[in-house]
Protein backbone atom coordinates (compact mmCIF):
# COMPACT_ATOMS: atom_id res chain seq x y z
CA MET A 1 14.61 -37.65 23.91
CA THR A 2 11.55 -38.85 22.06
CA THR A 3 9.50 -36.03 23.59
CA SER A 4 12.04 -33.27 23.03
CA THR A 5 12.51 -34.01 19.33
CA PRO A 6 8.86 -33.26 18.39
CA ARG A 7 9.04 -30.10 20.49
CA ARG A 8 12.16 -28.95 18.66
CA THR A 9 10.51 -29.79 15.34
CA ALA A 10 7.40 -27.79 16.25
CA ALA A 11 9.52 -24.85 17.38
CA ALA A 12 11.46 -24.98 14.12
CA HIS A 13 8.23 -24.93 12.12
CA ILE A 14 6.98 -21.93 14.10
CA ARG A 15 10.24 -20.05 13.56
CA ALA A 16 10.10 -20.85 9.85
CA ALA A 17 6.50 -19.71 9.48
CA ALA A 18 6.78 -16.66 11.74
CA PRO A 19 10.25 -15.12 11.51
CA PRO A 20 10.24 -11.95 13.64
CA SER A 21 11.29 -9.70 10.77
CA ALA A 22 8.44 -10.96 8.54
CA VAL A 23 5.83 -10.67 11.30
CA THR A 24 7.03 -7.14 12.07
CA ALA A 25 6.98 -6.18 8.39
CA GLY A 26 3.42 -7.47 8.10
CA LEU A 27 2.32 -5.51 11.16
CA VAL A 28 4.02 -2.31 9.99
CA THR A 29 2.47 -2.77 6.54
CA VAL A 30 -1.02 -2.86 8.01
CA LEU A 31 -0.31 0.02 10.39
CA VAL A 32 1.03 2.24 7.60
CA GLY A 33 -1.60 1.19 5.08
CA THR A 34 -4.53 1.85 7.39
CA THR A 35 -3.45 4.74 9.60
CA SER A 36 -2.42 6.87 6.66
CA SER A 37 -5.92 6.79 5.16
CA ALA A 38 -8.41 5.60 7.79
CA ALA A 39 -9.76 9.13 8.19
CA ILE A 40 -10.35 9.34 4.40
CA VAL A 41 -12.32 6.09 4.46
CA LEU A 42 -14.41 7.49 7.30
CA ALA A 43 -15.11 10.60 5.23
CA ALA A 44 -16.13 8.50 2.21
CA ALA A 45 -18.49 6.40 4.34
CA ARG A 46 -20.09 9.46 5.85
CA ALA A 47 -20.54 11.01 2.40
CA ALA A 48 -22.68 7.98 1.53
CA GLY A 49 -24.67 8.43 4.74
CA ALA A 50 -23.21 5.41 6.56
CA ASP A 51 -24.11 4.98 10.23
CA SER A 52 -21.78 3.43 12.83
CA ALA A 53 -22.89 -0.14 12.04
CA GLU A 54 -22.37 0.36 8.29
CA LEU A 55 -18.98 1.96 8.91
CA ALA A 56 -17.93 -1.08 10.95
CA SER A 57 -19.19 -3.26 8.09
CA TRP A 58 -16.99 -1.30 5.67
CA MET A 59 -13.93 -2.07 7.81
CA LEU A 60 -15.03 -5.71 8.11
CA ALA A 61 -15.47 -6.15 4.35
CA LEU A 62 -12.19 -4.37 3.52
CA GLY A 63 -10.29 -6.34 6.16
CA VAL A 64 -11.64 -9.69 4.93
CA GLY A 65 -10.92 -8.81 1.31
CA LEU A 66 -7.38 -7.63 1.99
CA GLY A 67 -6.61 -10.50 4.35
CA ALA A 68 -7.87 -13.16 1.93
CA THR A 69 -6.06 -11.71 -1.10
CA CYS A 70 -2.79 -11.09 0.75
CA ILE A 71 -2.68 -14.63 2.14
CA GLY A 72 -4.07 -16.43 -0.90
CA LEU A 73 -2.06 -14.67 -3.61
CA SER A 74 1.20 -14.66 -1.62
CA LEU A 75 0.97 -18.40 -0.92
CA ARG A 76 -0.07 -19.14 -4.50
CA TYR A 77 2.83 -17.27 -6.15
CA ARG A 78 5.37 -17.43 -3.29
CA ALA A 79 5.87 -13.68 -3.63
CA PRO A 80 5.03 -10.80 -1.25
CA VAL A 81 1.74 -9.76 -2.85
CA VAL A 82 0.19 -7.08 -0.64
CA THR A 83 -3.23 -5.60 -1.33
CA ALA A 84 -4.85 -2.45 0.04
CA TRP A 85 -7.91 -0.29 -0.29
CA SER A 86 -7.71 2.58 -2.75
CA THR A 87 -6.73 5.69 -0.78
CA PRO A 88 -7.16 8.08 -3.75
CA GLY A 89 -10.39 6.25 -4.51
CA ALA A 90 -11.64 6.93 -0.98
CA ALA A 91 -10.71 10.60 -1.36
CA LEU A 92 -12.65 10.72 -4.63
CA LEU A 93 -15.68 9.08 -3.02
CA ALA A 94 -15.63 11.54 -0.12
CA THR A 95 -16.84 14.16 -2.60
CA GLY A 96 -18.29 12.02 -5.41
CA LEU A 97 -20.86 10.30 -3.20
CA ALA A 98 -22.34 13.49 -1.79
CA GLY A 99 -26.13 13.17 -2.02
CA ALA A 100 -26.02 9.48 -3.04
CA SER A 101 -27.73 6.75 -1.05
CA MET A 102 -25.84 3.77 0.32
CA GLY A 103 -27.40 1.54 -2.34
CA GLN A 104 -26.25 3.87 -5.11
CA ALA A 105 -22.75 3.95 -3.57
CA VAL A 106 -22.64 0.14 -3.58
CA GLY A 107 -23.66 0.18 -7.24
CA ALA A 108 -20.64 2.39 -7.99
CA PHE A 109 -18.36 0.07 -5.98
CA LEU A 110 -19.66 -2.93 -7.91
CA LEU A 111 -19.14 -1.28 -11.31
CA SER A 112 -15.54 -0.36 -10.48
CA SER A 113 -14.71 -3.85 -9.17
CA VAL A 114 -16.24 -5.58 -12.21
CA LEU A 115 -14.21 -3.35 -14.53
CA ILE A 116 -11.05 -4.24 -12.58
CA LEU A 117 -11.97 -7.92 -12.90
CA VAL A 118 -12.44 -7.54 -16.67
CA SER A 119 -9.08 -5.75 -16.92
CA GLY A 120 -7.43 -8.76 -15.31
CA VAL A 121 -9.28 -11.40 -17.31
CA THR A 122 -8.62 -9.76 -20.69
CA GLY A 123 -4.93 -9.23 -19.88
CA TRP A 124 -4.69 -5.75 -21.39
CA PHE A 125 -3.23 -4.24 -18.21
CA ALA A 126 -0.54 -6.95 -18.04
CA ARG A 127 0.44 -6.31 -21.66
CA ALA A 128 0.78 -2.60 -20.97
CA MET A 129 2.93 -3.21 -17.88
CA ALA A 130 5.17 -5.70 -19.73
CA SER A 131 6.28 -2.96 -22.10
CA ILE A 132 7.55 -0.71 -19.28
CA PRO A 133 11.35 -0.96 -18.69
CA VAL A 134 12.49 -1.98 -15.21
CA SER A 135 14.39 1.30 -14.85
CA LEU A 136 11.17 3.31 -15.19
CA ALA A 137 9.30 0.98 -12.83
CA SER A 138 12.06 1.43 -10.24
CA ALA A 139 12.02 5.21 -10.71
CA LEU A 140 8.25 5.22 -10.31
CA LEU A 141 8.54 3.28 -7.05
CA ALA A 142 11.27 5.60 -5.72
CA GLY A 143 9.12 8.62 -6.53
CA VAL A 144 6.08 7.15 -4.79
CA LEU A 145 8.10 6.36 -1.66
CA LEU A 146 10.07 9.60 -1.50
CA GLU A 147 7.43 11.42 0.54
CA PHE A 148 7.55 8.77 3.26
CA GLY A 149 11.35 8.75 3.27
CA THR A 150 11.57 12.51 3.72
CA GLY A 151 8.62 12.41 6.12
CA LEU A 152 10.84 10.60 8.62
CA PHE A 153 13.02 13.69 8.88
CA ARG A 154 10.32 16.33 8.38
CA THR A 155 8.49 15.12 11.46
CA MET A 156 11.60 15.64 13.58
CA HIS A 157 10.63 19.31 13.48
CA GLY A 158 8.04 19.46 16.22
CA HIS A 159 8.20 15.74 17.09
CA PHE A 160 11.92 15.23 17.63
CA GLY A 161 11.32 13.28 20.84
CA ILE A 162 9.43 10.61 18.89
CA THR A 163 11.02 10.26 15.47
CA PHE A 164 14.70 10.72 16.35
CA PRO A 165 14.71 7.94 18.97
CA MET A 166 13.03 5.71 16.36
CA PHE A 167 15.71 6.56 13.78
CA ALA A 168 18.51 6.02 16.29
CA ALA A 169 17.06 2.69 17.45
CA TYR A 170 16.76 1.53 13.85
CA LEU A 171 20.40 2.37 13.06
CA LEU A 172 21.75 0.74 16.21
CA VAL A 173 19.76 -2.48 15.97
CA ARG A 174 20.37 -2.65 12.23
CA ARG A 175 24.10 -3.12 12.94
CA ILE A 176 23.49 -5.82 15.56
CA ARG A 177 20.30 -7.69 14.56
CA PRO A 178 19.04 -6.43 11.18
CA ARG A 179 15.86 -8.51 11.38
CA TYR A 180 14.70 -6.64 14.46
CA ALA A 181 15.59 -3.10 13.36
CA VAL A 182 12.10 -1.98 12.27
CA LEU A 183 10.47 -3.72 15.25
CA ALA A 184 12.84 -1.93 17.61
CA ALA A 185 12.04 1.41 15.98
CA LEU A 186 8.29 0.76 16.28
CA LEU A 187 8.52 -0.20 19.96
CA VAL A 188 10.67 2.84 20.74
CA GLY A 189 8.19 5.04 18.87
CA ILE A 190 5.23 3.65 20.84
CA ALA A 191 7.10 4.19 24.12
CA ALA A 192 8.08 7.73 23.14
CA THR A 193 4.54 8.56 22.03
CA THR A 194 3.12 7.25 25.30
CA ALA A 195 5.68 9.19 27.34
CA ALA A 196 4.85 12.38 25.43
CA GLY A 197 1.10 11.81 25.75
CA ASP A 198 0.59 12.29 22.01
CA TRP A 199 -2.08 9.62 21.51
CA GLY A 200 -5.33 11.01 20.15
CA GLY A 201 -8.26 11.61 22.48
CA ALA A 202 -10.22 8.74 20.91
CA ALA A 203 -7.71 6.25 22.32
CA GLY A 204 -9.28 6.56 25.77
CA HIS A 205 -12.75 5.54 24.53
CA ILE A 206 -11.94 2.29 22.72
CA ARG A 207 -14.16 -0.74 23.30
CA LEU A 208 -13.62 -4.18 21.81
CA THR A 209 -16.75 -4.69 19.72
CA PRO A 210 -16.80 -7.30 16.94
CA ALA A 211 -17.96 -5.95 13.56
CA VAL A 212 -21.17 -7.33 12.03
CA PRO A 213 -21.68 -7.42 8.24
CA VAL A 214 -24.42 -5.14 6.91
CA PHE A 215 -25.72 -6.06 3.45
CA THR A 216 -26.84 -3.26 1.14
CA ALA A 217 -28.47 -4.12 -2.18
CA PRO A 218 -26.84 -2.22 -5.06
CA GLN A 219 -28.80 0.44 -6.92
CA PHE A 220 -27.56 1.47 -10.35
CA ASP A 221 -28.09 5.19 -10.71
CA TRP A 222 -26.35 6.40 -13.86
CA HIS A 223 -25.38 9.73 -12.30
CA THR A 224 -23.54 7.95 -9.48
CA LEU A 225 -22.07 5.33 -11.82
CA ILE A 226 -20.57 7.98 -14.10
CA GLY A 227 -19.71 10.47 -11.37
CA ALA A 228 -18.20 7.99 -8.88
CA GLY A 229 -17.99 4.43 -10.28
CA LEU A 230 -16.00 5.11 -13.47
CA PRO A 231 -13.61 7.63 -11.83
CA LEU A 232 -13.05 5.13 -8.98
CA TYR A 233 -11.99 2.50 -11.52
CA VAL A 234 -9.64 4.86 -13.38
CA VAL A 235 -8.03 6.21 -10.22
CA THR A 236 -7.60 2.73 -8.74
CA MET A 237 -5.92 1.34 -11.85
CA ALA A 238 -3.67 4.36 -12.47
CA SER A 239 -2.80 5.38 -8.92
CA GLN A 240 -2.81 2.01 -7.13
CA ASN A 241 -2.45 -1.03 -9.39
CA LEU A 242 0.14 0.56 -11.66
CA PRO A 243 2.62 1.47 -8.89
CA GLY A 244 1.69 -1.77 -7.13
CA VAL A 245 3.01 -3.78 -10.06
CA ALA A 246 6.06 -1.49 -10.15
CA VAL A 247 6.84 -2.42 -6.54
CA LEU A 248 6.91 -6.13 -7.38
CA ARG A 249 8.89 -5.66 -10.57
CA GLY A 250 11.28 -3.21 -8.96
CA ASP A 251 12.24 -5.81 -6.35
CA GLY A 252 12.59 -8.57 -8.91
CA TYR A 253 9.32 -10.47 -8.42
CA ASP A 254 8.10 -11.61 -11.84
CA VAL A 255 4.54 -12.42 -10.82
CA PRO A 256 1.83 -12.76 -13.51
CA VAL A 257 -0.08 -9.49 -13.39
CA SER A 258 -3.46 -10.52 -14.84
CA PRO A 259 -4.41 -13.01 -12.09
CA LEU A 260 -3.47 -10.49 -9.41
CA ILE A 261 -5.68 -7.80 -10.93
CA GLY A 262 -8.47 -10.26 -11.65
CA TRP A 263 -8.60 -11.67 -8.11
CA THR A 264 -8.61 -8.22 -6.49
CA GLY A 265 -11.50 -7.22 -8.75
CA ALA A 266 -13.38 -10.43 -7.95
CA ALA A 267 -12.90 -9.95 -4.20
CA GLY A 268 -14.10 -6.35 -4.48
CA ALA A 269 -17.19 -7.39 -6.45
CA VAL A 270 -18.18 -10.05 -3.88
CA LEU A 271 -17.67 -7.74 -0.89
CA ALA A 272 -19.00 -4.51 -2.42
CA PRO A 273 -22.51 -4.91 -0.91
CA PHE A 274 -20.88 -4.95 2.54
CA GLY A 275 -18.82 -1.80 1.97
CA ALA A 276 -15.61 -2.86 0.17
CA PHE A 277 -15.34 0.09 -2.20
CA ALA A 278 -12.04 -0.97 -3.83
CA ILE A 279 -9.46 -3.73 -3.36
CA ASN A 280 -6.24 -3.35 -5.30
CA LEU A 281 -2.49 -3.94 -5.21
CA ALA A 282 -0.67 -1.93 -2.56
CA ALA A 283 2.27 0.31 -3.42
CA ILE A 284 3.82 2.13 -0.47
CA SER A 285 2.84 -0.42 2.17
CA ALA A 286 3.79 -3.32 -0.14
CA ALA A 287 7.35 -2.04 -0.37
CA ILE A 288 7.78 -2.80 3.35
CA CYS A 289 7.20 -6.50 2.64
CA THR A 290 9.28 -6.68 -0.55
CA GLY A 291 12.35 -4.96 0.95
CA PRO A 292 15.36 -6.57 2.66
CA ASP A 293 14.14 -5.72 6.16
CA ALA A 294 11.21 -8.13 5.75
CA HIS A 295 13.53 -11.15 5.41
CA PRO A 296 17.17 -11.57 4.33
CA ASP A 297 16.11 -14.33 1.94
CA ARG A 298 14.02 -12.74 -0.81
CA ASP A 299 12.37 -16.11 -1.51
CA ARG A 300 10.91 -16.07 2.02
CA ARG A 301 9.58 -12.51 2.00
CA PHE A 302 6.16 -13.77 0.95
CA LEU A 303 5.71 -14.63 4.64
CA ALA A 304 5.62 -10.91 5.44
CA ALA A 305 2.65 -10.45 3.10
CA VAL A 306 0.95 -13.50 4.60
CA TRP A 307 1.29 -11.98 8.08
CA ALA A 308 -0.02 -8.69 6.72
CA GLY A 309 -3.09 -10.66 5.65
CA VAL A 310 -3.42 -12.13 9.14
CA PHE A 311 -3.34 -8.65 10.68
CA TYR A 312 -5.88 -7.42 8.12
CA LEU A 313 -8.21 -10.19 9.30
CA CYS A 314 -7.76 -8.84 12.82
CA VAL A 315 -8.83 -5.44 11.49
CA ALA A 316 -11.90 -7.14 10.01
CA LEU A 317 -12.84 -8.84 13.26
CA PHE A 318 -12.94 -5.62 15.25
CA GLY A 319 -13.67 -3.18 12.42
CA GLY A 320 -15.11 -0.28 14.38
CA THR A 321 -12.66 -0.65 17.25
CA ILE A 322 -9.62 -0.80 14.97
CA GLY A 323 -10.84 2.22 13.03
CA THR A 324 -11.00 4.27 16.23
CA LEU A 325 -7.58 3.05 17.37
CA LEU A 326 -5.91 3.80 14.06
CA THR A 327 -7.25 7.32 13.91
CA ALA A 328 -5.82 7.89 17.41
CA MET A 329 -2.25 7.16 16.28
CA PRO A 330 -0.21 10.37 15.86
CA GLN A 331 1.12 11.18 12.41
CA ALA A 332 4.69 11.33 13.72
CA LEU A 333 4.55 7.67 14.76
CA VAL A 334 3.06 6.62 11.42
CA LEU A 335 5.60 8.53 9.31
CA GLY A 336 8.50 7.47 11.50
CA THR A 337 7.57 3.80 11.21
CA ALA A 338 7.08 4.03 7.45
CA GLY A 339 10.29 6.01 6.98
CA VAL A 340 12.60 3.51 8.67
CA GLY A 341 10.75 0.58 7.10
CA LEU A 342 11.25 1.93 3.57
CA LEU A 343 14.87 3.11 3.69
CA GLY A 344 16.23 -0.08 2.13
CA THR A 345 13.57 -0.18 -0.59
CA ILE A 346 14.14 3.45 -1.56
CA GLY A 347 17.87 2.79 -1.91
CA SER A 348 17.42 -0.31 -4.08
CA SER A 349 14.81 1.47 -6.22
CA LEU A 350 17.13 4.40 -6.93
CA HIS A 351 19.90 1.97 -7.82
CA GLY A 352 17.64 0.07 -10.22
CA ALA A 353 16.41 3.30 -11.80
CA LEU A 354 19.87 4.72 -12.53
CA THR A 355 21.85 1.61 -13.44
CA ALA A 356 21.00 1.58 -17.17
CA GLU A 357 22.80 4.61 -18.57
CA GLY A 358 20.70 4.79 -21.71
CA ASP A 359 17.47 5.08 -19.72
CA ARG A 360 18.83 7.31 -16.98
CA GLU A 361 17.31 10.57 -18.19
CA ALA A 362 13.87 9.01 -18.62
CA ALA A 363 14.16 7.41 -15.18
CA VAL A 364 15.04 10.76 -13.58
CA VAL A 365 12.04 12.39 -15.27
CA THR A 366 9.79 9.58 -14.02
CA PHE A 367 11.16 9.93 -10.50
CA LEU A 368 10.80 13.72 -10.35
CA ALA A 369 7.32 13.83 -11.89
CA THR A 370 6.07 11.08 -9.60
CA ALA A 371 7.61 12.65 -6.51
CA SER A 372 6.05 16.03 -7.40
CA GLY A 373 2.62 14.79 -6.31
CA VAL A 374 0.89 16.48 -9.24
CA THR A 375 -2.74 15.51 -9.84
CA LEU A 376 -4.45 16.09 -13.18
CA LEU A 377 -7.99 15.06 -14.13
CA GLY A 378 -8.30 13.39 -10.74
CA ILE A 379 -5.41 10.98 -11.49
CA GLY A 380 -2.36 10.93 -9.23
CA SER A 381 1.28 11.57 -10.02
CA ALA A 382 2.26 7.88 -10.41
CA PHE A 383 0.43 7.71 -13.74
CA TRP A 384 1.69 11.06 -15.01
CA GLY A 385 5.24 10.35 -13.88
CA LEU A 386 5.29 7.11 -15.84
CA LEU A 387 3.76 8.85 -18.85
CA ALA A 388 6.43 11.57 -18.70
CA GLY A 389 9.19 8.97 -18.46
CA VAL A 390 7.87 6.95 -21.40
CA PHE A 391 7.55 10.13 -23.47
CA THR A 392 11.13 11.11 -22.62
CA MET A 393 12.38 7.66 -23.59
CA LEU A 394 10.52 7.68 -26.90
CA VAL A 395 11.85 11.12 -27.83
CA ALA A 396 15.40 10.01 -26.95
CA ARG A 397 15.11 6.90 -29.12
CA VAL A 398 13.71 8.81 -32.08
CA THR A 399 16.17 11.70 -31.99
CA GLY A 400 19.20 9.74 -30.83
CA PRO A 401 21.44 10.46 -27.85
CA SER A 402 21.76 14.06 -26.75
CA ARG A 403 24.94 15.84 -27.81
CA VAL A 404 26.70 18.57 -25.94
CA PRO A 405 27.99 21.16 -28.47
CA ARG A 406 31.71 21.85 -28.36
CA PRO A 407 32.82 25.39 -27.56
CA ALA A 408 33.85 27.40 -30.60
CA GLY A 409 37.54 27.44 -31.48
């Protein structure tokens, strides 16, 4: 009896620290966050002239930065704080770094990260976010996630044998064991993909090779700083950090914004010479950890973000290998996994957006503009959707509630 009690205690601690739903949510978060944009990161690295060793160093630096911030910030604030690299930022760099050297690219990374750090330390970004109503933040989140929700069903055209079994498995297991619903869908999707032979050709040439950091001294060329560094900062703040805060607020996590922004900027500045071009709050992938499928107890969902950090560290360890593996995953499997993982979050976001009747019109405008995917001046639809919603709300408050004219007579 004296030997079984410690064993039961250890098992209880393991179950508490690694609930299956939280571990699965963390894994899906990393899969969705990396597979959806790994090819863009590769394009950005090649635009800067990176060789295979430098590309692996990029993945190492990004993985370490994301793993450390996910684990550290989530444990510190007991909230599911998920970080990511800037996907729109990588797309911008894929063209903005053309003709630049690796040292000049690192100089642009460093400038952007320092500006993000300053934004967190001064607190101006937090003050701006505090003035945004929860209804607009929820509408913004719903608009950002809509593409992944509809993607689940769009991919059934042409990939029905992969995505429909995932959807069916999710629904069935959801009724029996809700914690395992997303995991079941992922496993069914992997099995269906394997049976259909839809893995990319690169999957057959994967070798486990640990990544090695490659240091590049920054060079501050003003053309590259203005053409890539400043736009990278603007795009990261508007298209990543803004919806990232909306994800946390939309799910009821009142986490201080300034330290989150400041620490991501600090991590990016330290790791920039090794290839970390931008570290910021996650939006779409973060919603997987903040939603009900991550854990039934919202106060324990921070464990999902901690496990996401653990998996990001695995990405760091085998940077080049993981990059090849992720690019081999078919889009149908990625969208199917994201779609089922975000169903609950999309529903709660729409509910939060439309609950306040007085803000409903502004919330609908925010949702539609964000979901439109419009890009102006290199800034994504999340920023413009929020701007449109705030403008609608201000006009409504100045002019008073809209009135429907009565028919004559």
